[in-house]
Amino acid sequence: MRKLSIKLFDKNNIIQEQLICGKLDATSHITILSQVFFIKKTNTELNGGDLHIPANIKSWNIFEGLVTIYYESGLFMEISRINNPDND
């Protein structure tokens, strides 16, 4: 299974959370991270659960394989693929 590395930053560019998930879906009003495996800051394993972020997206950017979602609140999220040689 391919996995995504997610980093959530605050307005001051400080990492608030890091997690690993299998899928991300987003609309202008909500971001849903599915198949969440591990949340680093709280050292919590979710065993494939979902995490909902009910925040309005201001804009997004893709640069060299890194996807960044900017939220109206000033937070932003960086999304990158974790290389897994078994699935390439």
N, C-alpha and C. Protein backbone atom coordinates (compact mmCIF):
# COMPACT_ATOMS: atom_id res chain seq x y z
N MET A 1 0.83 -1.18 0.00
CA MET A 1 0.00 0.00 0.00
C MET A 1 0.88 1.25 0.00
N ARG A 2 0.56 2.19 -0.84
CA ARG A 2 1.27 3.46 -0.85
C ARG A 2 0.82 4.30 0.34
N LYS A 3 1.75 5.06 0.88
CA LYS A 3 1.44 5.87 2.05
C LYS A 3 1.87 7.31 1.82
N LEU A 4 1.22 8.22 2.53
CA LEU A 4 1.52 9.64 2.45
C LEU A 4 2.05 10.13 3.78
N SER A 5 3.05 10.98 3.72
CA SER A 5 3.56 11.66 4.91
C SER A 5 2.89 13.03 4.96
N ILE A 6 2.26 13.34 6.08
CA ILE A 6 1.53 14.59 6.25
C ILE A 6 2.19 15.39 7.38
N LYS A 7 2.47 16.66 7.11
CA LYS A 7 2.98 17.57 8.14
C LYS A 7 2.04 18.76 8.20
N LEU A 8 1.53 19.05 9.38
CA LEU A 8 0.63 20.18 9.59
C LEU A 8 1.37 21.27 10.36
N PHE A 9 1.45 22.46 9.77
CA PHE A 9 2.19 23.58 10.34
C PHE A 9 1.23 24.66 10.84
N ASP A 10 1.68 25.42 11.85
CA ASP A 10 0.88 26.55 12.31
C ASP A 10 1.28 27.81 11.54
N LYS A 11 0.72 28.95 11.94
CA LYS A 11 0.97 30.23 11.27
C LYS A 11 2.44 30.65 11.32
N ASN A 12 3.18 30.13 12.29
CA ASN A 12 4.59 30.50 12.47
C ASN A 12 5.54 29.46 11.87
N ASN A 13 5.02 28.60 11.00
CA ASN A 13 5.80 27.56 10.31
C ASN A 13 6.39 26.53 11.27
N ILE A 14 5.73 26.29 12.38
CA ILE A 14 6.15 25.28 13.34
C ILE A 14 5.27 24.05 13.16
N ILE A 15 5.90 22.87 13.06
CA ILE A 15 5.13 21.64 12.86
C ILE A 15 4.26 21.38 14.09
N GLN A 16 2.95 21.26 13.86
CA GLN A 16 2.02 20.95 14.94
C GLN A 16 1.72 19.46 15.01
N GLU A 17 1.81 18.79 13.87
CA GLU A 17 1.49 17.36 13.84
C GLU A 17 2.15 16.72 12.63
N GLN A 18 2.54 15.47 12.76
CA GLN A 18 3.03 14.66 11.66
C GLN A 18 2.29 13.34 11.71
N LEU A 19 1.86 12.87 10.54
CA LEU A 19 1.18 11.59 10.51
C LEU A 19 1.40 10.89 9.19
N ILE A 20 1.04 9.63 9.16
CA ILE A 20 1.13 8.81 7.97
C ILE A 20 -0.27 8.30 7.65
N CYS A 21 -0.66 8.45 6.39
CA CYS A 21 -1.99 7.97 6.00
C CYS A 21 -1.92 7.34 4.61
N GLY A 22 -3.02 6.70 4.22
CA GLY A 22 -3.07 6.03 2.94
C GLY A 22 -3.77 6.84 1.87
N LYS A 23 -4.63 7.79 2.26
CA LYS A 23 -5.43 8.51 1.28
C LYS A 23 -5.82 9.88 1.83
N LEU A 24 -5.90 10.86 0.94
CA LEU A 24 -6.33 12.20 1.31
C LEU A 24 -7.39 12.66 0.32
N ASP A 25 -8.50 13.17 0.82
CA ASP A 25 -9.54 13.78 -0.01
C ASP A 25 -9.79 15.18 0.53
N ALA A 26 -10.02 16.14 -0.37
CA ALA A 26 -10.25 17.50 0.10
C ALA A 26 -11.27 18.21 -0.79
N THR A 27 -12.11 19.01 -0.14
CA THR A 27 -12.97 19.96 -0.83
C THR A 27 -12.60 21.33 -0.29
N SER A 28 -13.29 22.36 -0.70
CA SER A 28 -12.95 23.70 -0.22
C SER A 28 -13.26 23.90 1.25
N HIS A 29 -14.04 23.00 1.86
CA HIS A 29 -14.46 23.18 3.25
C HIS A 29 -13.99 22.10 4.23
N ILE A 30 -13.42 21.00 3.72
CA ILE A 30 -12.99 19.92 4.62
C ILE A 30 -11.87 19.11 3.97
N THR A 31 -10.97 18.63 4.80
CA THR A 31 -9.92 17.71 4.36
C THR A 31 -10.09 16.43 5.16
N ILE A 32 -10.12 15.30 4.46
CA ILE A 32 -10.29 14.01 5.13
C ILE A 32 -9.06 13.15 4.84
N LEU A 33 -8.40 12.76 5.90
CA LEU A 33 -7.27 11.84 5.81
C LEU A 33 -7.79 10.46 6.18
N SER A 34 -7.71 9.53 5.24
CA SER A 34 -8.21 8.17 5.46
C SER A 34 -7.06 7.21 5.65
N GLN A 35 -7.36 6.11 6.30
CA GLN A 35 -6.37 5.07 6.56
C GLN A 35 -5.17 5.64 7.33
N VAL A 36 -5.47 6.46 8.37
CA VAL A 36 -4.41 7.06 9.18
C VAL A 36 -3.79 5.97 10.06
N PHE A 37 -2.49 5.83 9.98
CA PHE A 37 -1.80 4.78 10.71
C PHE A 37 -1.14 5.26 11.99
N PHE A 38 -0.55 6.45 11.95
CA PHE A 38 0.26 6.87 13.09
C PHE A 38 0.28 8.38 13.19
N ILE A 39 0.06 8.91 14.39
CA ILE A 39 0.17 10.34 14.64
C ILE A 39 1.37 10.54 15.55
N LYS A 40 2.39 11.24 15.06
CA LYS A 40 3.67 11.31 15.75
C LYS A 40 3.62 12.10 17.06
N LYS A 41 3.03 13.29 17.05
CA LYS A 41 3.10 14.16 18.23
C LYS A 41 2.47 13.51 19.46
N THR A 42 1.34 12.86 19.27
CA THR A 42 0.67 12.21 20.40
C THR A 42 1.07 10.74 20.53
N ASN A 43 1.92 10.25 19.58
CA ASN A 43 2.39 8.87 19.58
C ASN A 43 1.20 7.89 19.61
N THR A 44 0.21 8.18 18.75
CA THR A 44 -1.03 7.41 18.71
C THR A 44 -1.11 6.60 17.42
N GLU A 45 -1.48 5.34 17.54
CA GLU A 45 -1.76 4.52 16.36
C GLU A 45 -3.26 4.46 16.16
N LEU A 46 -3.73 4.75 14.93
CA LEU A 46 -5.16 4.75 14.65
C LEU A 46 -5.61 3.50 13.90
N ASN A 47 -4.67 2.68 13.45
CA ASN A 47 -5.00 1.44 12.76
C ASN A 47 -5.97 1.63 11.60
N GLY A 48 -5.72 2.64 10.79
CA GLY A 48 -6.51 2.82 9.58
C GLY A 48 -7.75 3.67 9.74
N GLY A 49 -7.89 4.42 10.80
CA GLY A 49 -9.06 5.29 11.00
C GLY A 49 -9.00 6.54 10.14
N ASP A 50 -10.03 7.38 10.25
CA ASP A 50 -10.12 8.62 9.49
C ASP A 50 -9.89 9.82 10.40
N LEU A 51 -9.38 10.88 9.83
CA LEU A 51 -9.18 12.14 10.53
C LEU A 51 -9.78 13.24 9.68
N HIS A 52 -10.70 14.02 10.22
CA HIS A 52 -11.38 15.09 9.49
C HIS A 52 -10.83 16.44 9.94
N ILE A 53 -10.51 17.30 8.99
CA ILE A 53 -10.07 18.66 9.28
C ILE A 53 -11.11 19.61 8.68
N PRO A 54 -12.03 20.13 9.51
CA PRO A 54 -13.09 21.00 9.00
C PRO A 54 -12.62 22.44 8.88
N ALA A 55 -11.78 22.72 7.88
CA ALA A 55 -11.23 24.06 7.69
C ALA A 55 -11.32 24.44 6.22
N ASN A 56 -11.55 25.71 5.96
CA ASN A 56 -11.65 26.20 4.58
C ASN A 56 -10.27 26.31 3.95
N ILE A 57 -10.15 25.78 2.74
CA ILE A 57 -8.89 25.85 2.00
C ILE A 57 -8.83 27.17 1.24
N LYS A 58 -7.70 27.86 1.40
CA LYS A 58 -7.48 29.13 0.70
C LYS A 58 -6.89 28.87 -0.69
N SER A 59 -5.85 28.02 -0.73
CA SER A 59 -5.20 27.68 -2.00
C SER A 59 -4.35 26.44 -1.81
N TRP A 60 -3.76 25.95 -2.90
CA TRP A 60 -2.88 24.80 -2.83
C TRP A 60 -1.81 24.94 -3.89
N ASN A 61 -0.72 24.19 -3.72
CA ASN A 61 0.41 24.29 -4.62
C ASN A 61 1.07 22.92 -4.75
N ILE A 62 1.58 22.63 -5.94
CA ILE A 62 2.37 21.42 -6.16
C ILE A 62 3.72 21.85 -6.71
N PHE A 63 4.80 21.39 -6.04
CA PHE A 63 6.15 21.73 -6.48
C PHE A 63 7.05 20.53 -6.23
N GLU A 64 7.63 20.00 -7.29
CA GLU A 64 8.55 18.87 -7.22
C GLU A 64 8.00 17.71 -6.39
N GLY A 65 6.73 17.39 -6.57
CA GLY A 65 6.12 16.25 -5.90
C GLY A 65 5.59 16.53 -4.51
N LEU A 66 5.82 17.73 -3.99
CA LEU A 66 5.31 18.11 -2.68
C LEU A 66 4.03 18.93 -2.87
N VAL A 67 2.94 18.46 -2.27
CA VAL A 67 1.67 19.18 -2.33
C VAL A 67 1.51 19.97 -1.03
N THR A 68 1.18 21.25 -1.15
CA THR A 68 0.94 22.09 0.02
C THR A 68 -0.47 22.64 -0.06
N ILE A 69 -1.23 22.47 1.01
CA ILE A 69 -2.57 23.02 1.12
C ILE A 69 -2.52 24.14 2.14
N TYR A 70 -2.96 25.34 1.73
CA TYR A 70 -2.99 26.50 2.61
C TYR A 70 -4.43 26.73 3.06
N TYR A 71 -4.63 26.88 4.37
CA TYR A 71 -5.95 27.09 4.92
C TYR A 71 -6.16 28.57 5.26
N GLU A 72 -7.42 29.01 5.21
CA GLU A 72 -7.75 30.41 5.51
C GLU A 72 -7.33 30.82 6.92
N SER A 73 -7.23 29.87 7.84
CA SER A 73 -6.84 30.16 9.22
C SER A 73 -5.35 30.49 9.35
N GLY A 74 -4.56 30.26 8.28
CA GLY A 74 -3.13 30.49 8.32
C GLY A 74 -2.32 29.21 8.46
N LEU A 75 -2.98 28.11 8.83
CA LEU A 75 -2.31 26.82 8.89
C LEU A 75 -2.02 26.33 7.48
N PHE A 76 -1.05 25.44 7.35
CA PHE A 76 -0.84 24.79 6.06
C PHE A 76 -0.36 23.37 6.26
N MET A 77 -0.57 22.54 5.25
CA MET A 77 -0.27 21.12 5.31
C MET A 77 0.62 20.75 4.13
N GLU A 78 1.69 20.01 4.41
CA GLU A 78 2.55 19.49 3.35
C GLU A 78 2.32 18.00 3.22
N ILE A 79 2.17 17.54 1.98
CA ILE A 79 1.87 16.15 1.70
C ILE A 79 2.92 15.62 0.73
N SER A 80 3.56 14.51 1.10
CA SER A 80 4.51 13.87 0.20
C SER A 80 4.31 12.36 0.26
N ARG A 81 4.70 11.70 -0.79
CA ARG A 81 4.57 10.25 -0.86
C ARG A 81 5.76 9.59 -0.19
N ILE A 82 5.49 8.56 0.57
CA ILE A 82 6.55 7.76 1.18
C ILE A 82 6.90 6.67 0.18
N ASN A 83 8.15 6.62 -0.19
CA ASN A 83 8.57 5.61 -1.16
C ASN A 83 8.56 4.24 -0.52
N ASN A 84 7.87 3.32 -1.19
CA ASN A 84 7.78 1.93 -0.73
C ASN A 84 8.18 1.05 -1.90
N PRO A 85 9.37 0.47 -1.89
CA PRO A 85 9.85 -0.30 -3.03
C PRO A 85 8.96 -1.49 -3.39
N ASP A 86 8.16 -1.98 -2.46
CA ASP A 86 7.29 -3.12 -2.74
C ASP A 86 6.13 -2.73 -3.67
N ASN A 87 5.78 -1.44 -3.72
CA ASN A 87 4.62 -1.01 -4.50
C ASN A 87 4.99 -0.19 -5.73
N ASP A 88 6.25 0.02 -6.01
CA ASP A 88 6.65 0.83 -7.17
C ASP A 88 6.59 0.04 -8.46
